[in-house]
Protein backbone atom coordinates (compact mmCIF):
# COMPACT_ATOMS: atom_id res chain seq x y z
CA MET A 1 13.83 31.04 13.38
CA SER A 2 14.31 34.60 14.15
CA VAL A 3 12.41 37.09 11.84
CA SER A 4 14.05 40.45 11.08
CA ALA A 5 12.30 43.62 9.87
CA HIS A 6 12.24 43.98 6.02
CA ARG A 7 10.61 46.35 3.70
CA ARG A 8 7.85 44.64 1.80
CA VAL A 9 7.83 45.13 -1.85
CA LEU A 10 5.07 44.64 -4.33
CA PRO A 11 4.88 41.35 -6.67
CA GLN A 12 5.51 42.24 -10.27
CA ALA A 13 2.00 40.75 -11.20
CA PRO A 14 -0.12 42.60 -8.55
CA ALA A 15 -3.43 41.88 -10.77
CA ARG A 16 -3.35 38.18 -9.84
CA ARG A 17 -3.00 38.60 -6.28
CA GLY A 18 -6.12 37.48 -4.34
CA TRP A 19 -7.43 35.36 -7.28
CA CYS A 20 -8.05 31.85 -6.18
CA PRO A 21 -8.74 29.55 -9.15
CA GLY A 22 -11.55 27.03 -9.01
CA LEU A 23 -13.11 24.65 -11.56
CA SER A 24 -15.50 27.09 -13.13
CA ARG A 25 -12.94 29.75 -13.05
CA PRO A 26 -9.46 28.30 -13.91
CA MET A 27 -6.47 30.65 -13.93
CA PRO A 28 -4.34 31.15 -17.03
CA THR A 29 -0.58 30.40 -16.45
CA GLY A 30 2.49 29.28 -18.27
CA ASP A 31 1.43 25.82 -18.97
CA GLY A 32 -2.29 26.37 -19.87
CA LEU A 33 -5.18 26.86 -17.39
CA LEU A 34 -4.84 25.92 -13.59
CA ALA A 35 -7.99 24.48 -12.20
CA ARG A 36 -7.92 24.20 -8.32
CA VAL A 37 -9.91 21.44 -6.49
CA HIS A 38 -10.97 22.13 -2.92
CA PRO A 39 -11.85 18.71 -1.41
CA PRO A 40 -14.17 19.23 1.68
CA LEU A 41 -12.27 19.42 4.66
CA GLY A 42 -9.10 18.28 2.73
CA ILE A 43 -10.45 14.82 2.60
CA LEU A 44 -10.65 12.79 -0.72
CA THR A 45 -12.39 9.48 -0.73
CA VAL A 46 -10.44 6.82 -2.93
CA PRO A 47 -13.11 7.23 -5.88
CA GLN A 48 -12.64 10.97 -5.87
CA ALA A 49 -8.71 10.63 -5.89
CA ARG A 50 -9.08 8.47 -8.86
CA ALA A 51 -11.36 11.05 -10.60
CA VAL A 52 -8.94 13.76 -9.95
CA ALA A 53 -6.03 11.65 -11.34
CA GLU A 54 -8.24 10.75 -14.30
CA GLY A 55 -9.30 14.35 -14.98
CA ALA A 56 -5.56 15.48 -14.79
CA ARG A 57 -4.57 12.90 -17.41
CA ARG A 58 -7.63 13.43 -19.80
CA PHE A 59 -8.08 17.10 -19.43
CA GLY A 60 -4.78 18.46 -18.21
CA ASN A 61 -1.04 17.49 -18.59
CA GLY A 62 -1.06 15.00 -16.05
CA HIS A 63 0.73 17.04 -13.23
CA LEU A 64 -0.85 18.09 -9.95
CA ASP A 65 0.24 20.64 -7.32
CA LEU A 66 -0.66 20.26 -3.63
CA THR A 67 -1.19 23.68 -1.90
CA ALA A 68 -0.28 24.88 1.52
CA ARG A 69 -3.93 24.98 2.16
CA ALA A 70 -4.41 21.19 1.45
CA ASN A 71 -6.06 21.75 -1.98
CA LEU A 72 -5.24 20.26 -5.45
CA GLN A 73 -4.41 21.89 -8.59
CA ILE A 74 -4.75 20.46 -11.95
CA ARG A 75 -2.22 21.89 -14.55
CA GLY A 76 -2.45 22.20 -18.39
CA VAL A 77 -6.02 22.55 -18.72
CA SER A 78 -7.35 24.25 -21.94
CA GLU A 79 -10.36 26.24 -22.95
CA ALA A 80 -11.36 22.99 -24.94
CA THR A 81 -11.19 20.87 -21.91
CA ARG A 82 -12.11 23.06 -18.66
CA THR A 83 -15.86 22.36 -18.98
CA SER A 84 -15.45 18.57 -19.13
CA LEU A 85 -13.08 18.77 -16.29
CA ALA A 86 -15.52 20.72 -14.12
CA ARG A 87 -18.38 18.42 -15.09
CA MET A 88 -16.36 15.33 -14.16
CA LEU A 89 -15.25 16.40 -10.75
CA GLU A 90 -18.57 17.88 -9.88
CA ALA A 91 -20.34 14.50 -10.47
CA ALA A 92 -17.38 13.09 -7.95
CA GLY A 93 -18.58 15.60 -5.27
CA LEU A 94 -15.69 18.06 -5.79
CA GLY A 95 -17.35 20.97 -7.54
CA ASP A 96 -17.00 24.65 -6.47
CA THR A 97 -19.30 25.74 -3.53
CA ARG A 98 -19.72 29.23 -4.58
CA ALA A 99 -19.77 31.58 -7.52
CA ASP A 100 -19.46 35.05 -5.90
CA GLY A 101 -15.71 35.03 -5.87
CA GLY A 102 -15.47 34.10 -2.28
CA PRO A 103 -13.39 31.22 -0.85
CA GLN A 104 -14.33 27.90 -2.16
CA ARG A 105 -13.20 26.39 1.11
CA LEU A 106 -13.27 28.42 4.18
CA THR A 107 -11.75 26.15 6.80
CA LEU A 108 -8.35 24.41 7.36
CA THR A 109 -8.09 21.44 9.81
CA SER A 110 -5.19 19.05 10.87
CA PRO A 111 -5.02 15.98 8.55
CA LEU A 112 -5.48 13.99 11.81
CA ALA A 113 -8.63 15.83 12.61
CA GLY A 114 -11.27 13.61 14.27
CA HIS A 115 -8.53 10.90 15.01
CA ASP A 116 -5.81 12.62 17.21
CA PRO A 117 -6.32 11.60 20.76
CA ALA A 118 -4.98 15.10 21.99
CA GLU A 119 -8.00 16.84 20.42
CA THR A 120 -10.63 18.21 22.81
CA LEU A 121 -13.40 19.11 20.56
CA ASP A 122 -15.21 17.77 17.54
CA VAL A 123 -13.13 19.53 14.76
CA ALA A 124 -14.81 17.99 11.69
CA THR A 125 -18.33 18.87 12.83
CA LEU A 126 -17.42 22.33 13.96
CA ALA A 127 -15.40 22.98 10.62
CA ARG A 128 -18.54 21.75 8.51
CA ALA A 129 -20.74 24.20 10.51
CA ILE A 130 -18.53 26.96 9.88
CA GLU A 131 -18.33 26.08 6.19
CA THR A 132 -22.04 26.18 5.92
CA ALA A 133 -22.49 29.35 7.85
CA GLY A 134 -19.85 31.08 5.91
CA LEU A 135 -21.75 30.51 2.71
CA ALA A 136 -24.17 33.10 4.09
CA VAL A 137 -21.42 35.88 4.15
CA PRO A 138 -21.23 37.77 0.84
CA GLY A 139 -18.23 39.61 -0.15
CA LEU A 140 -15.40 37.60 1.49
CA PRO A 141 -12.20 38.07 0.03
CA ALA A 142 -11.19 34.65 -1.90
CA LYS A 143 -8.34 33.83 0.41
CA THR A 144 -10.18 34.09 3.60
CA LEU A 145 -9.20 31.19 5.88
CA VAL A 146 -10.56 29.96 9.31
CA VAL A 147 -8.05 27.46 11.09
CA VAL A 148 -10.06 25.06 13.17
CA GLU A 149 -7.77 23.23 15.67
CA GLY A 150 -8.82 20.67 18.28
CA ARG A 151 -5.55 20.54 20.26
CA LEU A 152 -4.51 22.82 23.00
CA GLU A 153 -0.72 23.29 21.80
CA ALA A 154 -0.44 23.07 18.00
CA GLU A 155 1.43 25.29 15.46
CA ARG A 156 -0.90 27.76 13.73
CA PRO A 157 -0.50 27.82 9.93
CA ASP A 158 -1.04 30.95 7.95
CA GLY A 159 -4.70 31.90 8.12
CA ASP A 160 -6.99 34.89 9.08
CA ALA A 161 -9.05 33.61 11.98
CA TYR A 162 -8.39 30.82 14.44
CA VAL A 163 -10.67 28.37 16.37
CA SER A 164 -9.00 26.46 19.13
CA PRO A 165 -9.87 25.14 22.59
CA ARG A 166 -8.87 26.86 25.79
CA ALA A 167 -7.29 24.86 28.60
CA SER A 168 -9.78 26.51 30.98
CA GLY A 169 -12.84 25.56 28.85
CA GLY A 170 -14.65 26.95 26.08
CA ILE A 171 -13.52 27.99 22.52
CA ALA A 172 -11.17 30.82 21.66
CA ILE A 173 -11.42 32.96 18.53
CA ALA A 174 -8.42 34.71 17.44
CA ILE A 175 -7.46 37.06 14.53
CA ALA A 176 -4.08 36.85 12.71
CA ALA A 177 -1.86 40.08 13.40
CA ASP A 178 1.25 41.19 11.74
CA GLN A 179 3.31 39.34 14.60
CA GLY A 180 1.22 36.89 16.66
CA PHE A 181 -2.73 36.90 17.27
CA HIS A 182 -5.15 39.01 18.72
CA GLU A 183 -7.89 37.01 20.81
CA VAL A 184 -11.18 38.36 20.23
CA VAL A 185 -13.66 36.14 22.15
CA THR A 186 -14.21 33.09 24.12
CA CYS A 187 -17.69 31.18 23.55
CA THR A 188 -19.14 27.64 23.66
CA GLU A 189 -18.70 25.11 20.78
CA ALA A 190 -22.37 25.60 19.96
CA GLU A 191 -22.03 29.26 19.70
CA THR A 192 -18.90 29.24 17.57
CA PRO A 193 -20.33 29.11 13.83
CA ALA A 194 -22.49 32.28 14.72
CA VAL A 195 -19.53 34.06 16.38
CA VAL A 196 -17.25 33.28 13.40
CA VAL A 197 -20.12 34.56 11.14
CA ALA A 198 -20.31 38.03 13.02
CA LEU A 199 -16.46 38.03 12.69
CA LEU A 200 -16.39 37.59 8.93
CA LYS A 201 -19.01 40.02 8.25
CA ALA A 202 -17.29 42.59 10.39
CA PHE A 203 -14.11 41.75 8.52
CA VAL A 204 -15.81 42.22 5.02
CA ARG A 205 -16.90 45.93 6.02
CA THR A 206 -13.19 46.82 6.57
CA GLY A 207 -12.60 46.23 2.87
CA ARG A 208 -9.20 44.45 3.64
CA ARG A 209 -7.94 41.53 1.95
CA ARG A 210 -6.45 39.54 4.91
CA MET A 211 -7.24 39.75 8.41
CA ARG A 212 -3.54 40.34 9.49
CA ASP A 213 -3.32 43.59 7.32
CA LEU A 214 -5.88 45.10 9.73
CA PRO A 215 -4.69 48.30 11.47
CA LEU A 216 -5.29 48.42 15.31
CA ASP A 217 -8.44 50.64 15.19
CA ALA A 218 -9.95 48.16 12.75
CA PHE A 219 -9.25 45.23 15.13
CA GLY A 220 -11.34 47.28 17.60
CA ALA A 221 -14.30 47.74 15.12
CA VAL A 222 -14.24 44.14 14.47
CA ALA A 223 -14.23 43.38 18.10
CA ASP A 224 -17.15 45.79 18.59
CA ALA A 225 -19.33 43.82 16.09
CA VAL A 226 -18.46 40.58 17.67
CA ARG A 227 -19.36 42.16 21.24
CA LEU A 228 -23.00 42.74 19.91
CA ALA A 229 -23.16 39.03 19.27
CA MET A 230 -21.33 37.97 22.60
CA PRO A 231 -21.92 41.04 25.07
CA THR A 232 -19.82 39.63 28.19
CA ARG A 233 -17.29 37.65 26.56
CA VAL A 234 -15.00 39.87 24.53
CA PRO A 235 -11.70 40.74 26.25
CA SER A 236 -9.82 43.86 25.51
CA LEU A 237 -7.64 44.01 22.41
CA GLY A 238 -4.91 45.74 24.13
CA ARG A 239 -1.59 44.03 24.88
CA GLU A 240 -3.05 41.37 27.31
CA GLY A 241 -5.05 40.17 24.24
CA MET A 242 -1.88 39.57 21.97
CA PHE A 243 -0.22 36.22 21.70
CA ASP A 244 2.96 35.02 20.09
CA ALA A 245 2.66 33.28 16.79
CA VAL A 246 4.22 29.94 17.94
CA SER A 247 4.31 28.45 21.41
CA PRO A 248 7.59 26.65 22.17
CA ARG A 249 5.38 23.60 23.35
CA ALA A 250 3.48 23.51 20.15
CA VAL A 251 3.31 20.20 18.27
CA PRO A 252 3.25 20.29 14.36
CA PHE A 253 -0.11 21.11 12.65
CA SER A 254 0.52 18.33 10.14
CA PRO A 255 2.41 14.93 10.64
CA PRO A 256 5.84 14.43 9.53
CA ALA A 257 6.71 12.24 6.48
CA GLY A 258 6.82 8.42 7.25
CA THR A 259 4.92 6.31 9.70
CA ARG A 260 3.99 6.79 13.30
CA TRP A 261 1.37 5.36 15.49
CA LEU A 262 -1.57 7.37 16.91
CA ALA A 263 -2.90 4.37 18.87
CA PRO A 264 -2.30 0.69 19.24
CA ASP A 265 -4.66 -0.10 16.37
CA MET A 266 -4.22 3.02 14.08
CA ALA A 267 -0.99 4.32 12.39
CA VAL A 268 -0.50 7.39 10.37
CA LEU A 269 1.33 7.17 6.93
CA THR A 270 2.31 10.52 5.42
CA ALA A 271 3.63 10.86 1.97
CA ASP A 272 4.82 14.42 1.14
CA ALA A 273 5.11 15.29 -2.62
CA PRO A 274 8.47 16.69 -3.37
CA PHE A 275 8.12 20.56 -3.70
CA GLY A 276 4.33 20.00 -3.80
CA ARG A 277 4.15 18.30 -7.14
CA CYS A 278 3.03 14.83 -8.13
CA THR A 279 1.77 13.17 -11.29
CA ALA A 280 -1.56 11.72 -12.02
CA ASN A 281 -0.18 8.35 -11.92
CA ALA A 282 1.42 8.78 -8.53
CA LEU A 283 -1.98 9.63 -7.27
CA ASP A 284 -3.40 6.68 -8.90
CA ASP A 285 -0.78 4.45 -7.16
CA LEU A 286 -1.59 6.15 -3.80
CA ALA A 287 -5.34 5.34 -4.32
CA ASP A 288 -4.53 1.73 -5.14
CA LEU A 289 -2.40 1.39 -1.96
CA ALA A 290 -5.05 2.97 0.39
CA SER A 291 -7.86 0.45 -1.21
CA ARG A 292 -5.47 -2.46 -0.70
CA LEU A 293 -4.85 -1.47 2.79
CA GLY A 294 -8.69 -0.88 3.68
CA THR A 295 -8.96 2.79 3.99
CA ASP A 296 -11.40 4.79 1.89
CA GLU A 297 -9.99 8.49 2.93
CA ILE A 298 -6.90 10.13 1.54
CA ARG A 299 -6.22 13.16 3.54
CA LEU A 300 -4.44 16.25 2.20
CA SER A 301 -1.68 17.90 4.46
CA PRO A 302 -0.83 21.67 4.53
CA ALA A 303 2.92 20.15 4.20
CA ARG A 304 1.78 19.52 0.67
CA GLY A 305 1.34 15.83 1.10
CA PHE A 306 -1.19 12.99 1.69
CA VAL A 307 -2.10 11.28 4.87
CA LEU A 308 -3.45 7.71 5.15
CA LEU A 309 -4.78 6.49 8.55
CA LEU A 310 -4.26 2.67 8.56
CA LYS A 311 -4.39 -0.38 10.88
CA ASN A 312 -1.32 -2.04 9.76
CA PRO A 313 1.08 -0.32 7.35
CA SER A 314 4.30 -2.24 6.41
CA ALA A 315 7.85 -1.20 5.40
CA ALA A 316 7.03 -2.42 1.90
CA ASP A 317 4.16 0.24 1.80
CA LEU A 318 6.78 3.08 2.54
CA THR A 319 9.19 1.67 -0.10
CA THR A 320 6.26 1.56 -2.74
CA LEU A 321 5.58 5.28 -2.06
CA ALA A 322 9.26 6.40 -1.86
CA GLU A 323 9.06 5.98 -5.65
CA ASN A 324 7.08 9.14 -6.06
CA PHE A 325 6.92 10.67 -2.57
CA ILE A 326 9.04 11.86 0.53
CA VAL A 327 8.38 9.25 3.19
CA ALA A 328 11.51 9.89 5.56
CA PRO A 329 11.09 12.77 8.07
CA ASP A 330 14.73 13.70 7.68
CA ASP A 331 14.58 14.18 3.83
CA PRO A 332 15.97 17.69 3.30
CA ARG A 333 13.35 18.30 0.66
CA ARG A 334 10.88 18.73 3.41
CA SER A 335 12.80 21.89 4.67
CA VAL A 336 12.49 23.35 1.29
CA ALA A 337 9.51 24.96 -0.14
CA ALA A 338 9.04 25.75 -3.86
CA CYS A 339 6.46 26.84 -6.36
CA THR A 340 6.06 25.72 -10.02
CA GLY A 341 8.27 28.41 -11.42
CA ALA A 342 9.16 28.77 -15.03
CA PRO A 343 8.18 27.80 -17.62
CA ALA A 344 4.87 26.42 -16.22
CA CYS A 345 4.00 29.51 -14.30
CA ALA A 346 3.62 32.75 -16.22
CA SER A 347 4.82 34.88 -13.34
CA GLY A 348 8.20 32.97 -12.90
CA SER A 349 11.44 33.59 -14.56
CA THR A 350 13.57 31.00 -12.94
CA SER A 351 13.46 26.96 -12.90
CA THR A 352 12.33 26.90 -9.28
CA LEU A 353 11.75 23.19 -8.98
CA ALA A 354 15.20 22.07 -10.52
CA ASP A 355 17.05 24.99 -8.43
CA ALA A 356 15.08 23.69 -5.31
CA ALA A 357 16.26 20.27 -5.86
CA LEU A 358 19.94 21.57 -6.11
CA LEU A 359 19.37 23.76 -2.97
CA ALA A 360 18.05 20.58 -0.98
CA GLN A 361 21.10 18.61 -1.92
CA ALA A 362 23.12 21.36 -0.27
CA PHE A 363 20.84 21.90 2.67
CA GLY A 364 21.09 18.71 4.43
CA SER A 365 22.85 19.97 7.67
CA LEU A 366 20.99 23.10 7.97
CA ALA A 367 17.52 21.15 7.59
CA ALA A 368 18.93 18.81 10.31
CA ALA A 369 19.30 21.88 12.49
CA GLY A 370 15.67 23.00 11.90
CA ARG A 371 16.25 25.53 9.19
CA SER A 372 13.90 26.25 6.33
CA ALA A 373 14.27 27.66 2.85
CA HIS A 374 11.85 28.71 0.13
CA VAL A 375 12.35 29.08 -3.66
CA SER A 376 9.79 31.34 -4.99
CA GLY A 377 9.36 32.13 -8.65
CA CYS A 378 8.26 35.63 -7.67
CA ALA A 379 7.12 37.87 -4.74
CA LYS A 380 3.84 36.45 -4.43
CA GLY A 381 5.06 33.50 -2.63
CA CYS A 382 2.45 30.99 -3.50
CA ALA A 383 4.23 28.01 -1.89
CA LYS A 384 4.87 29.74 1.37
CA PRO A 385 3.73 32.98 2.09
CA GLY A 386 5.36 33.37 5.42
CA PRO A 387 9.01 33.83 6.30
CA ALA A 388 11.76 31.22 6.13
CA ASP A 389 15.30 31.22 7.24
CA LEU A 390 16.45 31.59 3.47
CA THR A 391 13.92 32.83 1.13
CA LEU A 392 14.87 33.14 -2.73
CA ILE A 393 12.71 35.32 -4.81
CA GLY A 394 13.03 34.90 -8.77
CA ARG A 395 13.36 38.06 -10.82
CA ALA A 396 14.71 38.28 -14.28
CA GLY A 397 16.51 35.09 -14.05
CA LEU A 398 18.24 35.80 -10.61
CA TYR A 399 17.04 35.06 -7.17
CA GLY A 400 16.63 37.92 -4.70
CA THR A 401 18.01 36.64 -1.12
CA VAL A 402 16.02 37.47 2.00
CA ILE A 403 17.32 35.94 5.45
CA GLY A 404 14.57 35.29 8.06
CA GLY A 405 11.85 36.99 5.84
CA ALA A 406 9.17 36.29 3.18
CA PRO A 407 8.85 36.63 -0.35
CA GLY A 408 7.25 39.96 -0.22
CA ASP A 409 10.28 41.44 1.52
CA GLU A 410 13.16 43.64 0.14
CA PRO A 411 16.01 41.33 -1.10
CA ALA A 412 19.49 42.24 0.12
CA MET A 413 20.84 41.43 -3.36
CA HIS A 414 20.17 39.28 -6.44
CA LEU A 415 22.28 36.19 -7.30
CA PRO A 416 22.31 33.51 -9.83
CA ILE A 417 21.61 30.01 -8.36
CA ASP A 418 25.49 28.91 -8.74
CA ALA A 419 26.36 31.70 -6.50
CA VAL A 420 23.41 30.97 -3.84
CA LEU A 421 24.78 27.48 -3.84
CA GLU A 422 28.31 28.56 -3.22
CA ARG A 423 27.41 30.80 -0.36
CA LEU A 424 25.12 28.03 1.11
CA GLY A 425 28.21 25.98 1.32
CA ARG A 426 29.74 28.68 3.34
CA ALA A 427 26.60 28.97 5.66
CA LYS A 428 27.45 25.62 6.97
CA THR A 429 30.26 26.88 8.89
CA ILE A 430 29.64 30.68 9.34
CA GLY A 431 25.81 30.74 9.32
CA LEU A 432 23.22 31.84 6.86
CA ALA A 433 23.20 35.68 7.85
CA ALA A 434 27.04 35.93 7.27
CA ALA A 435 27.08 33.93 4.15
CA PHE A 436 24.53 35.87 2.45
CA ALA A 437 25.65 39.34 3.83
CA PRO A 438 26.02 41.53 0.71
CA ASP A 439 29.87 42.57 -0.02
CA ARG A 440 31.53 43.93 -3.03
CA THR A 441 34.52 41.33 -3.04
CA MET A 442 32.44 38.62 -4.95
CA THR A 443 31.30 38.70 -8.61
CA ASP A 444 27.61 38.47 -7.39
CA ILE A 445 24.72 40.52 -8.78
CA GLY A 446 23.72 43.57 -6.92
CA ARG A 447 20.33 44.83 -5.95
CA ASN A 448 19.45 46.46 -9.47
CA GLY A 449 20.71 43.46 -11.31
CA SER A 450 24.11 44.92 -12.22
CA PRO A 451 27.25 43.46 -11.06
CA ALA A 452 28.07 44.28 -7.30
């Protein structure tokens, strides 16, 4: 996907940017309060999964969201039920980890961490050490995220800092930039938690919300702070320290839907939630399947799904999961991200889930060609903050269209969903950019909401 330059615009609900709800501080939205659960390292035990499902039924409306950071959201919580929900999940080992407004979960790891034969470091141990050390850093913005990756060539999801092995040895620490990454330091695995803490403290002093927003001089200040901790290992932050966001050899960060074998005695079964949503009953069914197949772990995926590591899954197991989840890697819904939208989200004005389902039906050939789409209820882009080949941003019941950009970018025009689908049909033959080029011969809606 080629990303063109777009002018960024502010979301219509700026006061809620940066707020990451937890159990003790759920967020008001269109269908009540939203309580976010942050499983340690993105892993639920089977009893914990059942506790989340029961909590969603008893204290919410029975609907769950899976997030792009491998967390869970319980929807429809009320003021009367929020305390009981928090107590129940705290007793299950899923309570909030901090009360200072900082990130409830600081790290993101691959769902296969600890089991992928391509890993060259102990990801789980390192991520736990970073989580523990990070609790001692006050003032961290709520969305701060450190991605810990054990493979040499893997995609990098949206984050702030990146911890990964170097082919020549050692651990590389990098910072997200507007385009690509700045490598800051190379250290040993044992030194990594302390170096990450030095980096996080320096970031807090900048007063910025995300590391990718740091200007170049601020990158230098952050590097200087790390240099004090690692005197001889900090490279220049000039052009030689900048790397592209995606290597052409990179493997997916998360496994695709369906079944594949990691080793002769271990298979990966991945079940993605359609548009990141499932019911409490569906999670219970997944927990039952995991228990029956002899695993006590249900791993969450940033692809907004669940991953089971199993000895001998069968085709019947996939059939069972297919009632509630995506289990085929070529399902076009995997290429379409969508948030909850109206009426469940107070920031949304469009029925994003229903419209995303319509879009996915028409997106098959484009999905097969590797294209992606995002249906966002507003400019915040909760389901997918980064760019997609086609991004639709809900506003006043219409969709702003952005080609090769993100939800915060300036739309070229605003269209009703029917017009979007009509143009998508043309895109199969003339391409997305041509199909969604603004013109005045169509009865579309212009940038300001008036007929073009």
